[in-house]
Amino acid sequence: MTLDLTGRVAVVTGASRGIGYFIARELAAAGAHVIAVARTVGGLEELDDQIKAAGGQATLVPLDLADMAGIDRLGGAIHERWGKLDILVANAGVLGVISPIGHVEAKTFEKVMTINVTSTWRLIRSVDPLLRLSDAGRAIILSSNAAHSARAFWAPYAASKAAVETMMRSWAHETQSLPLRVNAADPGATRTAMRAQAVPGEDPETLPHPSEIAKRIVPLASPDLKETGLIFQAKHNRFVAYRQPE
């Protein structure tokens, strides 16, 4: 079935490259007006060109997610222009450093927590009222298996994703009686710049392209989606829902 998001408004963070870039393109191709948020203006402009060339619509928001007041203003601007929000894709994140936990510098740890956790909370806080005004609000929070594996040397990133998943589940519980559906998506190993930073000796050609992963994530934005509070993990070329123990 073809996903139809005509007339729906979607925010995508980290939209200038990687998985976020292709999620934005997929949402626009399905008919959504995409509010593309990222620090890199050049990447946003390239995205805008691609979306418009395919007949879609986008609004570009150059924003560093460490700017908490800027995130607050984003929610206000969306309310003024559209009066609601239908889709949130909280994709932006940073890896930090792969290092023994005792060797991680304070500024590195704080940046990971600021971008991956605090800005995600601030974004939720900013747009939750707008998603509640939609007839079928959908929130997709990008996560990682690192949240569960707690692998050696990945402590800051793993901790940040565990925090994000917990926030997602709490939010889903709070809104389960509403039309709003809140889920997480774990894309798995993907051919992105972050993955290359994390595993520099890996052959990227052995990994799925972010465009493939985006196609699997975007159905979580469907107005017909019933699930909430789940983690959708990439397994065997499809996304499988996983619910953590209560």
C-alpha atoms as a PDB file:
ATOM      1  CA  MET A   1       0.000   0.000   0.000  1.00  0.00           C
ATOM      2  CA  THR A   2       1.271   3.470  -0.912  1.00  0.00           C
ATOM      3  CA  LEU A   3       1.627   5.767   2.055  1.00  0.00           C
ATOM      4  CA  ASP A   4      -0.434   8.940   1.634  1.00  0.00           C
ATOM      5  CA  LEU A   5       0.601  11.851   3.862  1.00  0.00           C
ATOM      6  CA  THR A   6      -1.008  14.586   1.775  1.00  0.00           C
ATOM      7  CA  GLY A   7      -1.744  17.671   3.840  1.00  0.00           C
ATOM      8  CA  ARG A   8       0.268  16.483   6.823  1.00  0.00           C
ATOM      9  CA  VAL A   9       3.097  18.493   8.419  1.00  0.00           C
ATOM     10  CA  ALA A  10       6.299  16.738   9.524  1.00  0.00           C
ATOM     11  CA  VAL A  11       9.376  17.856  11.463  1.00  0.00           C
ATOM     12  CA  VAL A  12      12.611  15.970  10.801  1.00  0.00           C
ATOM     13  CA  THR A  13      15.743  16.805  12.786  1.00  0.00           C
ATOM     14  CA  GLY A  14      19.200  15.995  11.483  1.00  0.00           C
ATOM     15  CA  ALA A  15      17.731  16.332   8.003  1.00  0.00           C
ATOM     16  CA  SER A  16      20.838  17.568   6.180  1.00  0.00           C
ATOM     17  CA  ARG A  17      22.450  14.133   5.740  1.00  0.00           C
ATOM     18  CA  GLY A  18      22.249  10.424   6.439  1.00  0.00           C
ATOM     19  CA  ILE A  19      19.058   8.734   7.586  1.00  0.00           C
ATOM     20  CA  GLY A  20      17.328  12.036   8.393  1.00  0.00           C
ATOM     21  CA  TYR A  21      17.955  13.362   4.887  1.00  0.00           C
ATOM     22  CA  PHE A  22      16.311  10.362   3.265  1.00  0.00           C
ATOM     23  CA  ILE A  23      13.443  10.221   5.774  1.00  0.00           C
ATOM     24  CA  ALA A  24      12.688  13.839   4.858  1.00  0.00           C
ATOM     25  CA  ARG A  25      12.682  12.960   1.169  1.00  0.00           C
ATOM     26  CA  GLU A  26      10.418   9.946   1.722  1.00  0.00           C
ATOM     27  CA  LEU A  27       7.940  11.953   3.790  1.00  0.00           C
ATOM     28  CA  ALA A  28       7.823  14.687   1.149  1.00  0.00           C
ATOM     29  CA  ALA A  29       7.363  12.102  -1.606  1.00  0.00           C
ATOM     30  CA  ALA A  30       4.356  10.768   0.329  1.00  0.00           C
ATOM     31  CA  GLY A  31       2.820  14.252   0.331  1.00  0.00           C
ATOM     32  CA  ALA A  32       3.872  15.714   3.680  1.00  0.00           C
ATOM     33  CA  HIS A  33       5.155  19.259   4.054  1.00  0.00           C
ATOM     34  CA  VAL A  34       8.561  18.678   5.640  1.00  0.00           C
ATOM     35  CA  ILE A  35      10.057  21.064   8.172  1.00  0.00           C
ATOM     36  CA  ALA A  36      13.717  20.105   7.817  1.00  0.00           C
ATOM     37  CA  VAL A  37      15.900  20.971  10.808  1.00  0.00           C
ATOM     38  CA  ALA A  38      19.720  20.781  10.826  1.00  0.00           C
ATOM     39  CA  ARG A  39      22.863  22.820  11.435  1.00  0.00           C
ATOM     40  CA  THR A  40      24.297  22.410   7.927  1.00  0.00           C
ATOM     41  CA  VAL A  41      22.719  24.941   5.581  1.00  0.00           C
ATOM     42  CA  GLY A  42      24.283  23.427   2.452  1.00  0.00           C
ATOM     43  CA  GLY A  43      22.813  20.014   3.207  1.00  0.00           C
ATOM     44  CA  LEU A  44      19.400  21.541   3.845  1.00  0.00           C
ATOM     45  CA  GLU A  45      19.521  23.437   0.550  1.00  0.00           C
ATOM     46  CA  GLU A  46      20.429  20.263  -1.316  1.00  0.00           C
ATOM     47  CA  LEU A  47      17.523  18.486   0.371  1.00  0.00           C
ATOM     48  CA  ASP A  48      15.174  21.311  -0.588  1.00  0.00           C
ATOM     49  CA  ASP A  49      16.297  21.075  -4.216  1.00  0.00           C
ATOM     50  CA  GLN A  50      15.659  17.318  -4.262  1.00  0.00           C
ATOM     51  CA  ILE A  51      12.237  17.620  -2.626  1.00  0.00           C
ATOM     52  CA  LYS A  52      11.097  20.414  -4.939  1.00  0.00           C
ATOM     53  CA  ALA A  53      12.412  18.603  -8.027  1.00  0.00           C
ATOM     54  CA  ALA A  54      10.175  15.668  -7.054  1.00  0.00           C
ATOM     55  CA  GLY A  55       7.163  17.959  -6.614  1.00  0.00           C
ATOM     56  CA  GLY A  56       7.243  18.111  -2.818  1.00  0.00           C
ATOM     57  CA  GLN A  57       7.331  20.932  -0.276  1.00  0.00           C
ATOM     58  CA  ALA A  58       9.760  21.778   2.494  1.00  0.00           C
ATOM     59  CA  THR A  59      10.554  24.520   4.964  1.00  0.00           C
ATOM     60  CA  LEU A  60      14.199  24.776   5.992  1.00  0.00           C
ATOM     61  CA  VAL A  61      15.156  25.516   9.592  1.00  0.00           C
ATOM     62  CA  PRO A  62      18.913  25.981  10.172  1.00  0.00           C
ATOM     63  CA  LEU A  63      19.169  25.273  13.887  1.00  0.00           C
ATOM     64  CA  ASP A  64      21.785  23.908  16.259  1.00  0.00           C
ATOM     65  CA  LEU A  65      19.872  21.661  18.651  1.00  0.00           C
ATOM     66  CA  ALA A  66      22.068  22.854  21.488  1.00  0.00           C
ATOM     67  CA  ASP A  67      20.039  26.082  21.147  1.00  0.00           C
ATOM     68  CA  MET A  68      17.201  25.228  23.525  1.00  0.00           C
ATOM     69  CA  ALA A  69      15.463  28.576  23.106  1.00  0.00           C
ATOM     70  CA  GLY A  70      15.589  27.979  19.337  1.00  0.00           C
ATOM     71  CA  ILE A  71      13.764  24.669  19.806  1.00  0.00           C
ATOM     72  CA  ASP A  72      11.093  26.489  21.802  1.00  0.00           C
ATOM     73  CA  ARG A  73      10.732  29.058  19.025  1.00  0.00           C
ATOM     74  CA  LEU A  74      10.340  26.261  16.481  1.00  0.00           C
ATOM     75  CA  GLY A  75       7.208  25.010  18.213  1.00  0.00           C
ATOM     76  CA  GLY A  76       5.792  28.520  18.339  1.00  0.00           C
ATOM     77  CA  ALA A  77       6.480  29.116  14.650  1.00  0.00           C
ATOM     78  CA  ILE A  78       4.807  25.844  13.664  1.00  0.00           C
ATOM     79  CA  HIS A  79       1.743  26.780  15.703  1.00  0.00           C
ATOM     80  CA  GLU A  80       1.530  30.203  14.057  1.00  0.00           C
ATOM     81  CA  ARG A  81       1.809  28.868  10.514  1.00  0.00           C
ATOM     82  CA  TRP A  82       0.057  25.497  10.624  1.00  0.00           C
ATOM     83  CA  GLY A  83      -1.752  25.341  13.973  1.00  0.00           C
ATOM     84  CA  LYS A  84      -0.711  21.708  14.515  1.00  0.00           C
ATOM     85  CA  LEU A  85       1.969  19.116  13.803  1.00  0.00           C
ATOM     86  CA  ASP A  86       1.256  15.639  12.440  1.00  0.00           C
ATOM     87  CA  ILE A  87       4.673  13.951  12.448  1.00  0.00           C
ATOM     88  CA  LEU A  88       7.841  14.302  14.488  1.00  0.00           C
ATOM     89  CA  VAL A  89      11.004  12.441  13.533  1.00  0.00           C
ATOM     90  CA  ALA A  90      13.634  13.080  16.222  1.00  0.00           C
ATOM     91  CA  ASN A  91      16.635  11.810  14.295  1.00  0.00           C
ATOM     92  CA  ALA A  92      19.506  14.169  15.122  1.00  0.00           C
ATOM     93  CA  GLY A  93      22.269  12.771  17.297  1.00  0.00           C
ATOM     94  CA  VAL A  94      26.015  12.647  17.871  1.00  0.00           C
ATOM     95  CA  LEU A  95      28.292   9.728  18.665  1.00  0.00           C
ATOM     96  CA  GLY A  96      30.777  11.466  20.928  1.00  0.00           C
ATOM     97  CA  VAL A  97      33.814   9.232  21.207  1.00  0.00           C
ATOM     98  CA  ILE A  98      34.513   5.510  21.359  1.00  0.00           C
ATOM     99  CA  SER A  99      36.646   5.338  24.497  1.00  0.00           C
ATOM    100  CA  PRO A 100      36.979   3.773  27.945  1.00  0.00           C
ATOM    101  CA  ILE A 101      34.464   5.564  30.142  1.00  0.00           C
ATOM    102  CA  GLY A 102      37.164   6.867  32.454  1.00  0.00           C
ATOM    103  CA  HIS A 103      38.905   8.570  29.533  1.00  0.00           C
ATOM    104  CA  VAL A 104      35.860  10.445  28.203  1.00  0.00           C
ATOM    105  CA  GLU A 105      36.302  14.195  28.558  1.00  0.00           C
ATOM    106  CA  ALA A 106      33.569  16.053  30.409  1.00  0.00           C
ATOM    107  CA  LYS A 107      32.841  18.352  27.455  1.00  0.00           C
ATOM    108  CA  THR A 108      32.384  15.331  25.159  1.00  0.00           C
ATOM    109  CA  PHE A 109      30.004  13.586  27.564  1.00  0.00           C
ATOM    110  CA  GLU A 110      28.036  16.777  28.077  1.00  0.00           C
ATOM    111  CA  LYS A 111      27.690  17.369  24.319  1.00  0.00           C
ATOM    112  CA  VAL A 112      26.358  13.832  23.757  1.00  0.00           C
ATOM    113  CA  MET A 113      23.792  14.294  26.516  1.00  0.00           C
ATOM    114  CA  THR A 114      22.854  17.788  25.339  1.00  0.00           C
ATOM    115  CA  ILE A 115      22.212  16.817  21.712  1.00  0.00           C
ATOM    116  CA  ASN A 116      20.942  13.271  22.143  1.00  0.00           C
ATOM    117  CA  VAL A 117      18.889  13.612  25.337  1.00  0.00           C
ATOM    118  CA  THR A 118      18.211  17.172  26.476  1.00  0.00           C
ATOM    119  CA  SER A 119      17.412  18.525  23.018  1.00  0.00           C
ATOM    120  CA  THR A 120      15.115  15.550  22.355  1.00  0.00           C
ATOM    121  CA  TRP A 121      13.236  16.295  25.583  1.00  0.00           C
ATOM    122  CA  ARG A 122      13.093  19.980  24.692  1.00  0.00           C
ATOM    123  CA  LEU A 123      11.779  19.111  21.222  1.00  0.00           C
ATOM    124  CA  ILE A 124       9.104  16.848  22.684  1.00  0.00           C
ATOM    125  CA  ARG A 125       8.152  19.601  25.128  1.00  0.00           C
ATOM    126  CA  SER A 126       7.910  22.102  22.269  1.00  0.00           C
ATOM    127  CA  VAL A 127       5.770  20.046  19.883  1.00  0.00           C
ATOM    128  CA  ASP A 128       3.732  17.745  22.151  1.00  0.00           C
ATOM    129  CA  PRO A 129       0.815  20.240  22.267  1.00  0.00           C
ATOM    130  CA  LEU A 130       0.912  20.495  18.461  1.00  0.00           C
ATOM    131  CA  LEU A 131       0.928  16.719  17.948  1.00  0.00           C
ATOM    132  CA  ARG A 132      -2.082  16.467  20.244  1.00  0.00           C
ATOM    133  CA  LEU A 133      -3.966  18.808  17.876  1.00  0.00           C
ATOM    134  CA  SER A 134      -3.472  16.377  14.974  1.00  0.00           C
ATOM    135  CA  ASP A 135      -6.109  13.774  14.175  1.00  0.00           C
ATOM    136  CA  ALA A 136      -3.305  11.189  14.012  1.00  0.00           C
ATOM    137  CA  GLY A 137      -0.102  12.562  15.517  1.00  0.00           C
ATOM    138  CA  ARG A 138       2.938  10.352  15.037  1.00  0.00           C
ATOM    139  CA  ALA A 139       6.300  10.615  16.827  1.00  0.00           C
ATOM    140  CA  ILE A 140       9.325   8.567  15.774  1.00  0.00           C
ATOM    141  CA  ILE A 141      12.392   8.707  18.016  1.00  0.00           C
ATOM    142  CA  LEU A 142      15.618   7.328  16.520  1.00  0.00           C
ATOM    143  CA  SER A 143      17.406   4.978  18.885  1.00  0.00           C
ATOM    144  CA  SER A 144      20.144   2.337  18.762  1.00  0.00           C
ATOM    145  CA  ASN A 145      20.824  -1.199  19.895  1.00  0.00           C
ATOM    146  CA  ALA A 146      23.692   0.319  21.888  1.00  0.00           C
ATOM    147  CA  ALA A 147      21.026   1.234  24.463  1.00  0.00           C
ATOM    148  CA  HIS A 148      20.591  -2.480  25.234  1.00  0.00           C
ATOM    149  CA  SER A 149      23.965  -4.032  24.470  1.00  0.00           C
ATOM    150  CA  ALA A 150      25.935  -1.629  26.709  1.00  0.00           C
ATOM    151  CA  ARG A 151      29.006  -2.548  24.692  1.00  0.00           C
ATOM    152  CA  ALA A 152      32.462  -1.649  25.923  1.00  0.00           C
ATOM    153  CA  PHE A 153      33.728   1.853  25.069  1.00  0.00           C
ATOM    154  CA  TRP A 154      30.303   3.119  23.945  1.00  0.00           C
ATOM    155  CA  ALA A 155      29.116   4.376  27.363  1.00  0.00           C
ATOM    156  CA  PRO A 156      28.082   7.993  26.575  1.00  0.00           C
ATOM    157  CA  TYR A 157      26.218   7.150  23.363  1.00  0.00           C
ATOM    158  CA  ALA A 158      24.641   3.999  24.831  1.00  0.00           C
ATOM    159  CA  ALA A 159      23.493   5.866  27.936  1.00  0.00           C
ATOM    160  CA  SER A 160      22.009   8.650  25.835  1.00  0.00           C
ATOM    161  CA  LYS A 161      19.981   6.236  23.709  1.00  0.00           C
ATOM    162  CA  ALA A 162      18.768   4.325  26.776  1.00  0.00           C
ATOM    163  CA  ALA A 163      17.539   7.647  28.166  1.00  0.00           C
ATOM    164  CA  VAL A 164      15.805   8.538  24.911  1.00  0.00           C
ATOM    165  CA  GLU A 165      14.017   5.191  24.755  1.00  0.00           C
ATOM    166  CA  THR A 166      12.806   5.596  28.339  1.00  0.00           C
ATOM    167  CA  MET A 167      11.461   9.062  27.568  1.00  0.00           C
ATOM    168  CA  MET A 168       9.696   7.635  24.511  1.00  0.00           C
ATOM    169  CA  ARG A 169       8.013   4.917  26.544  1.00  0.00           C
ATOM    170  CA  SER A 170       6.885   7.334  29.257  1.00  0.00           C
ATOM    171  CA  TRP A 171       5.485   9.690  26.618  1.00  0.00           C
ATOM    172  CA  ALA A 172       3.659   6.794  24.941  1.00  0.00           C
ATOM    173  CA  HIS A 173       2.079   5.785  28.262  1.00  0.00           C
ATOM    174  CA  GLU A 174       0.980   9.356  28.900  1.00  0.00           C
ATOM    175  CA  THR A 175      -0.712   9.634  25.499  1.00  0.00           C
ATOM    176  CA  GLN A 176      -1.991   6.105  24.911  1.00  0.00           C
ATOM    177  CA  SER A 177      -5.650   7.208  25.176  1.00  0.00           C
ATOM    178  CA  LEU A 178      -5.087   9.863  22.482  1.00  0.00           C
ATOM    179  CA  PRO A 179      -4.737   9.519  18.705  1.00  0.00           C
ATOM    180  CA  LEU A 180      -1.005  10.252  19.173  1.00  0.00           C
ATOM    181  CA  ARG A 181       1.268   7.226  18.601  1.00  0.00           C
ATOM    182  CA  VAL A 182       4.859   7.368  19.919  1.00  0.00           C
ATOM    183  CA  ASN A 183       7.516   4.821  18.938  1.00  0.00           C
ATOM    184  CA  ALA A 184      11.271   4.408  18.578  1.00  0.00           C
ATOM    185  CA  ALA A 185      13.170   3.138  15.551  1.00  0.00           C
ATOM    186  CA  ASP A 186      16.533   1.376  15.810  1.00  0.00           C
ATOM    187  CA  PRO A 187      17.978   1.452  12.284  1.00  0.00           C
ATOM    188  CA  GLY A 188      20.878  -0.892  13.015  1.00  0.00           C
ATOM    189  CA  ALA A 189      24.249  -0.571  11.306  1.00  0.00           C
ATOM    190  CA  THR A 190      23.812   1.822   8.370  1.00  0.00           C
ATOM    191  CA  ARG A 191      26.150   3.410   5.828  1.00  0.00           C
ATOM    192  CA  THR A 192      26.412   6.813   7.518  1.00  0.00           C
ATOM    193  CA  ALA A 193      29.172   9.184   8.581  1.00  0.00           C
ATOM    194  CA  MET A 194      28.466   8.364  12.222  1.00  0.00           C
ATOM    195  CA  ARG A 195      28.919   4.659  11.587  1.00  0.00           C
ATOM    196  CA  ALA A 196      32.206   5.330   9.782  1.00  0.00           C
ATOM    197  CA  GLN A 197      33.375   7.336  12.795  1.00  0.00           C
ATOM    198  CA  ALA A 198      32.393   4.539  15.174  1.00  0.00           C
ATOM    199  CA  VAL A 199      33.804   1.625  13.147  1.00  0.00           C
ATOM    200  CA  PRO A 200      36.497   3.103  10.859  1.00  0.00           C
ATOM    201  CA  GLY A 201      37.791  -0.226   9.537  1.00  0.00           C
ATOM    202  CA  GLU A 202      34.403  -1.447   8.335  1.00  0.00           C
ATOM    203  CA  ASP A 203      33.589  -1.768   4.630  1.00  0.00           C
ATOM    204  CA  PRO A 204      30.607   0.577   4.148  1.00  0.00           C
ATOM    205  CA  GLU A 205      29.474  -1.379   1.101  1.00  0.00           C
ATOM    206  CA  THR A 206      28.473  -4.230   3.441  1.00  0.00           C
ATOM    207  CA  LEU A 207      25.902  -1.986   5.153  1.00  0.00           C
ATOM    208  CA  PRO A 208      22.461  -0.870   3.953  1.00  0.00           C
ATOM    209  CA  HIS A 209      22.279   2.613   2.460  1.00  0.00           C
ATOM    210  CA  PRO A 210      20.376   5.185   4.574  1.00  0.00           C
ATOM    211  CA  SER A 211      17.796   5.486   1.791  1.00  0.00           C
ATOM    212  CA  GLU A 212      16.867   1.827   2.367  1.00  0.00           C
ATOM    213  CA  ILE A 213      16.515   2.350   6.103  1.00  0.00           C
ATOM    214  CA  ALA A 214      14.425   5.490   5.592  1.00  0.00           C
ATOM    215  CA  LYS A 215      11.897   3.548   3.505  1.00  0.00           C
ATOM    216  CA  ARG A 216      11.411   1.158   6.438  1.00  0.00           C
ATOM    217  CA  ILE A 217      11.062   3.896   9.056  1.00  0.00           C
ATOM    218  CA  VAL A 218       8.618   6.194   7.272  1.00  0.00           C
ATOM    219  CA  PRO A 219       5.614   3.795   7.562  1.00  0.00           C
ATOM    220  CA  LEU A 220       5.724   4.525  11.313  1.00  0.00           C
ATOM    221  CA  ALA A 221       4.319   7.944  10.344  1.00  0.00           C
ATOM    222  CA  SER A 222       1.180   6.400   8.824  1.00  0.00           C
ATOM    223  CA  PRO A 223      -2.151   7.650  10.200  1.00  0.00           C
ATOM    224  CA  ASP A 224      -3.217   3.979  10.206  1.00  0.00           C
ATOM    225  CA  LEU A 225      -0.487   2.938  12.662  1.00  0.00           C
ATOM    226  CA  LYS A 226      -1.961   1.400  15.826  1.00  0.00           C
ATOM    227  CA  GLU A 227       1.164   0.568  17.882  1.00  0.00           C
ATOM    228  CA  THR A 228       2.585   2.878  20.519  1.00  0.00           C
ATOM    229  CA  GLY A 229       5.432   2.635  23.011  1.00  0.00           C
ATOM    230  CA  LEU A 230       7.401   0.141  20.922  1.00  0.00           C
ATOM    231  CA  ILE A 231      10.953  -0.057  19.621  1.00  0.00           C
ATOM    232  CA  PHE A 232      11.085  -1.059  15.970  1.00  0.00           C
ATOM    233  CA  GLN A 233      14.386  -2.761  15.173  1.00  0.00           C
ATOM    234  CA  ALA A 234      15.895  -3.450  11.749  1.00  0.00           C
ATOM    235  CA  LYS A 235      16.161  -7.213  11.351  1.00  0.00           C
ATOM    236  CA  HIS A 236      16.314  -9.357   8.228  1.00  0.00           C
ATOM    237  CA  ASN A 237      15.496  -6.452   5.894  1.00  0.00           C
ATOM    238  CA  ARG A 238      12.371  -5.472   7.842  1.00  0.00           C
ATOM    239  CA  PHE A 239      11.442  -3.675  11.052  1.00  0.00           C
ATOM    240  CA  VAL A 240      10.296  -5.841  13.947  1.00  0.00           C
ATOM    241  CA  ALA A 241       8.445  -4.378  16.940  1.00  0.00           C
ATOM    242  CA  TYR A 242       9.947  -4.980  20.359  1.00  0.00           C
ATOM    243  CA  ARG A 243       8.418  -4.032  23.698  1.00  0.00           C
ATOM    244  CA  GLN A 244      10.643  -3.739  26.760  1.00  0.00           C
ATOM    245  CA  PRO A 245       9.423  -5.407  29.985  1.00  0.00           C
ATOM    246  CA  GLU A 246       7.184  -3.129  32.040  1.00  0.00           C
END
